[in-house]
């Protein structure tokens, strides 16, 4: 294999790696946006749960559902 062939092969490998890096960067960017949307949704839901807990009609405090076992246990 002469130098020209080796250089050409290296250039092709570099182009492939650059394309792969670009694809990975795109995937990470999309996941970052998805994570941000999910965090905002969770924050809104947590705020709504807090609002519902404080507006409860009963004088009894609402149970802490985090420690509550599901019905099938």
N, C-alpha and C. Protein backbone atom coordinates (compact mmCIF):
# COMPACT_ATOMS: atom_id res chain seq x y z
N UNK A 1 0.86 -1.17 0.00
CA UNK A 1 0.00 0.00 0.00
C UNK A 1 0.90 1.24 0.00
N UNK A 2 0.68 2.11 -0.97
CA UNK A 2 1.51 3.29 -1.04
C UNK A 2 0.92 4.43 -0.19
N UNK A 3 1.66 5.50 -0.13
CA UNK A 3 1.25 6.63 0.73
C UNK A 3 -0.07 7.24 0.30
N UNK A 4 -0.29 7.36 -0.97
CA UNK A 4 -1.53 7.96 -1.47
C UNK A 4 -2.74 7.13 -1.05
N UNK A 5 -2.62 5.82 -1.15
CA UNK A 5 -3.72 4.94 -0.75
C UNK A 5 -3.97 5.03 0.76
N UNK A 6 -2.89 5.09 1.53
CA UNK A 6 -3.02 5.19 2.99
C UNK A 6 -3.69 6.52 3.38
N UNK A 7 -3.26 7.59 2.74
CA UNK A 7 -3.85 8.90 3.03
C UNK A 7 -5.32 8.92 2.65
N UNK A 8 -5.64 8.36 1.50
CA UNK A 8 -7.03 8.30 1.05
C UNK A 8 -7.88 7.49 2.04
N UNK A 9 -7.35 6.37 2.50
CA UNK A 9 -8.06 5.54 3.47
C UNK A 9 -8.27 6.28 4.79
N UNK A 10 -7.26 6.98 5.25
CA UNK A 10 -7.37 7.77 6.48
C UNK A 10 -8.40 8.89 6.33
N UNK A 11 -8.41 9.53 5.18
CA UNK A 11 -9.39 10.59 4.93
C UNK A 11 -10.81 10.03 4.95
N UNK A 12 -11.00 8.84 4.38
CA UNK A 12 -12.32 8.22 4.39
C UNK A 12 -12.74 7.86 5.82
N UNK A 13 -11.82 7.33 6.60
CA UNK A 13 -12.12 6.98 7.98
C UNK A 13 -12.44 8.23 8.79
N UNK A 14 -11.70 9.30 8.56
CA UNK A 14 -11.96 10.56 9.26
C UNK A 14 -13.34 11.10 8.90
N UNK A 15 -13.70 11.04 7.65
CA UNK A 15 -15.02 11.52 7.22
C UNK A 15 -16.12 10.69 7.89
N UNK A 16 -15.92 9.38 7.97
CA UNK A 16 -16.89 8.51 8.64
C UNK A 16 -17.01 8.87 10.12
N UNK A 17 -15.90 9.10 10.78
CA UNK A 17 -15.92 9.45 12.20
C UNK A 17 -16.57 10.81 12.42
N UNK A 18 -16.32 11.75 11.54
CA UNK A 18 -16.95 13.06 11.66
C UNK A 18 -18.47 12.95 11.50
N UNK A 19 -18.92 12.14 10.56
CA UNK A 19 -20.35 11.93 10.35
C UNK A 19 -20.97 11.28 11.60
N UNK A 20 -20.28 10.28 12.14
CA UNK A 20 -20.77 9.62 13.35
C UNK A 20 -20.83 10.59 14.52
N UNK A 21 -19.81 11.41 14.67
CA UNK A 21 -19.80 12.42 15.74
C UNK A 21 -20.95 13.40 15.58
N UNK A 22 -21.22 13.83 14.37
CA UNK A 22 -22.34 14.74 14.11
C UNK A 22 -23.68 14.09 14.46
N UNK A 23 -23.83 12.81 14.12
CA UNK A 23 -25.06 12.10 14.44
C UNK A 23 -25.23 11.96 15.95
N UNK A 24 -24.16 11.64 16.64
CA UNK A 24 -24.22 11.52 18.11
C UNK A 24 -24.54 12.86 18.76
N UNK A 25 -23.94 13.92 18.24
CA UNK A 25 -24.21 15.25 18.76
C UNK A 25 -25.68 15.62 18.57
N UNK A 26 -26.24 15.29 17.44
CA UNK A 26 -27.65 15.55 17.17
C UNK A 26 -28.53 14.78 18.16
N UNK A 27 -28.19 13.52 18.40
CA UNK A 27 -28.97 12.70 19.33
C UNK A 27 -28.90 13.26 20.74
N UNK A 28 -27.73 13.68 21.16
CA UNK A 28 -27.56 14.25 22.51
C UNK A 28 -28.35 15.56 22.62
N UNK A 29 -28.33 16.36 21.59
CA UNK A 29 -29.08 17.62 21.60
C UNK A 29 -30.58 17.37 21.73
N UNK A 30 -31.08 16.40 20.98
CA UNK A 30 -32.50 16.06 21.04
C UNK A 30 -32.87 15.52 22.42
N UNK A 31 -32.01 14.69 22.98
CA UNK A 31 -32.28 14.14 24.31
C UNK A 31 -32.25 15.24 25.37
N UNK A 32 -31.38 16.20 25.20
CA UNK A 32 -31.31 17.31 26.14
C UNK A 32 -32.61 18.11 26.12
N UNK A 33 -33.14 18.36 24.93
CA UNK A 33 -34.41 19.07 24.82
C UNK A 33 -35.55 18.26 25.43
N UNK A 34 -35.56 16.94 25.17
CA UNK A 34 -36.58 16.07 25.75
C UNK A 34 -36.50 16.09 27.27
N UNK A 35 -35.30 16.05 27.82
CA UNK A 35 -35.12 16.08 29.26
C UNK A 35 -35.62 17.39 29.84
N UNK A 36 -35.34 18.48 29.18
CA UNK A 36 -35.81 19.79 29.65
C UNK A 36 -37.34 19.84 29.65
N UNK A 37 -37.97 19.32 28.59
CA UNK A 37 -39.44 19.28 28.54
C UNK A 37 -40.00 18.41 29.66
N UNK A 38 -39.38 17.27 29.89
CA UNK A 38 -39.85 16.38 30.96
C UNK A 38 -39.71 17.02 32.33
N UNK A 39 -38.62 17.70 32.57
CA UNK A 39 -38.44 18.39 33.85
C UNK A 39 -39.50 19.45 34.05
N UNK A 40 -39.80 20.20 33.00
CA UNK A 40 -40.84 21.23 33.11
C UNK A 40 -42.20 20.59 33.39
N UNK A 41 -42.48 19.47 32.73
CA UNK A 41 -43.74 18.77 32.96
C UNK A 41 -43.83 18.27 34.40
N UNK A 42 -42.75 17.70 34.89
CA UNK A 42 -42.74 17.21 36.28
C UNK A 42 -42.93 18.36 37.25
N UNK A 43 -42.28 19.48 36.99
CA UNK A 43 -42.45 20.65 37.87
C UNK A 43 -43.90 21.12 37.87
N UNK A 44 -44.53 21.17 36.69
CA UNK A 44 -45.93 21.59 36.63
C UNK A 44 -46.83 20.60 37.37
N UNK A 45 -46.57 19.31 37.19
CA UNK A 45 -47.39 18.30 37.87
C UNK A 45 -47.20 18.36 39.38
N UNK A 46 -45.97 18.55 39.84
CA UNK A 46 -45.72 18.66 41.27
C UNK A 46 -46.42 19.88 41.85
N UNK A 47 -46.39 20.97 41.11
CA UNK A 47 -47.07 22.18 41.57
C UNK A 47 -48.57 21.95 41.64
N UNK A 48 -49.10 21.26 40.65
CA UNK A 48 -50.55 20.96 40.63
C UNK A 48 -50.94 20.05 41.79
N UNK A 49 -50.12 19.05 42.08
CA UNK A 49 -50.39 18.16 43.21
C UNK A 49 -50.38 18.96 44.51
N UNK A 50 -49.42 19.85 44.66
CA UNK A 50 -49.36 20.69 45.86
C UNK A 50 -50.61 21.56 45.98
N UNK A 51 -51.04 22.13 44.85
CA UNK A 51 -52.25 22.96 44.86
C UNK A 51 -53.47 22.14 45.28
N UNK A 52 -53.58 20.94 44.73
CA UNK A 52 -54.71 20.08 45.08
C UNK A 52 -54.66 19.67 46.55
N UNK A 53 -53.48 19.45 47.06
CA UNK A 53 -53.34 19.04 48.45
C UNK A 53 -53.76 20.17 49.39
N UNK A 54 -53.46 21.40 49.03
CA UNK A 54 -53.81 22.52 49.90
C UNK A 54 -55.28 22.92 49.75
N UNK A 55 -55.92 22.55 48.66
CA UNK A 55 -57.32 22.90 48.43
C UNK A 55 -58.27 21.77 48.83
N UNK A 56 -57.76 20.79 49.54
CA UNK A 56 -58.58 19.65 49.92
C UNK A 56 -59.76 20.10 50.77
N UNK A 57 -60.94 19.53 50.49
CA UNK A 57 -62.15 19.88 51.23
C UNK A 57 -62.19 19.28 52.63
N UNK A 58 -61.48 18.21 52.85
CA UNK A 58 -61.53 17.54 54.14
C UNK A 58 -60.55 18.19 55.10
N UNK A 59 -60.84 18.05 56.37
CA UNK A 59 -59.94 18.60 57.36
C UNK A 59 -58.78 17.66 57.65
N UNK A 60 -58.90 16.41 57.18
CA UNK A 60 -57.82 15.45 57.37
C UNK A 60 -56.70 15.73 56.38
N UNK A 61 -55.47 15.60 56.81
CA UNK A 61 -54.36 15.78 55.86
C UNK A 61 -54.35 14.62 54.86
N UNK A 62 -53.95 14.93 53.67
CA UNK A 62 -53.86 13.90 52.64
C UNK A 62 -52.69 12.96 52.94
N UNK A 63 -52.85 11.66 52.67
CA UNK A 63 -51.75 10.74 52.93
C UNK A 63 -50.59 11.00 51.99
N UNK A 64 -49.42 10.70 52.46
CA UNK A 64 -48.23 10.85 51.63
C UNK A 64 -48.16 9.63 50.71
N UNK A 65 -48.46 9.85 49.43
CA UNK A 65 -48.55 8.72 48.51
C UNK A 65 -47.20 8.12 48.17
N UNK A 66 -46.12 8.80 48.52
CA UNK A 66 -44.80 8.26 48.24
C UNK A 66 -44.55 7.01 49.08
N UNK A 67 -45.03 7.02 50.33
CA UNK A 67 -44.81 5.89 51.23
C UNK A 67 -45.92 4.86 51.16
N UNK A 68 -46.96 5.15 50.42
CA UNK A 68 -48.10 4.25 50.36
C UNK A 68 -47.80 3.09 49.40
N UNK A 69 -48.14 1.86 49.83
CA UNK A 69 -47.91 0.69 48.99
C UNK A 69 -49.06 0.56 47.98
N UNK A 70 -48.77 0.07 46.79
CA UNK A 70 -49.83 -0.14 45.80
C UNK A 70 -50.83 -1.18 46.31
N UNK A 71 -52.04 -1.19 45.79
CA UNK A 71 -53.09 -2.08 46.28
C UNK A 71 -52.76 -3.57 46.17
N UNK A 72 -51.90 -3.97 45.27
CA UNK A 72 -51.65 -5.40 45.08
C UNK A 72 -50.65 -5.96 46.09
N UNK A 73 -50.13 -5.15 47.01
CA UNK A 73 -49.20 -5.66 48.03
C UNK A 73 -49.94 -6.12 49.25
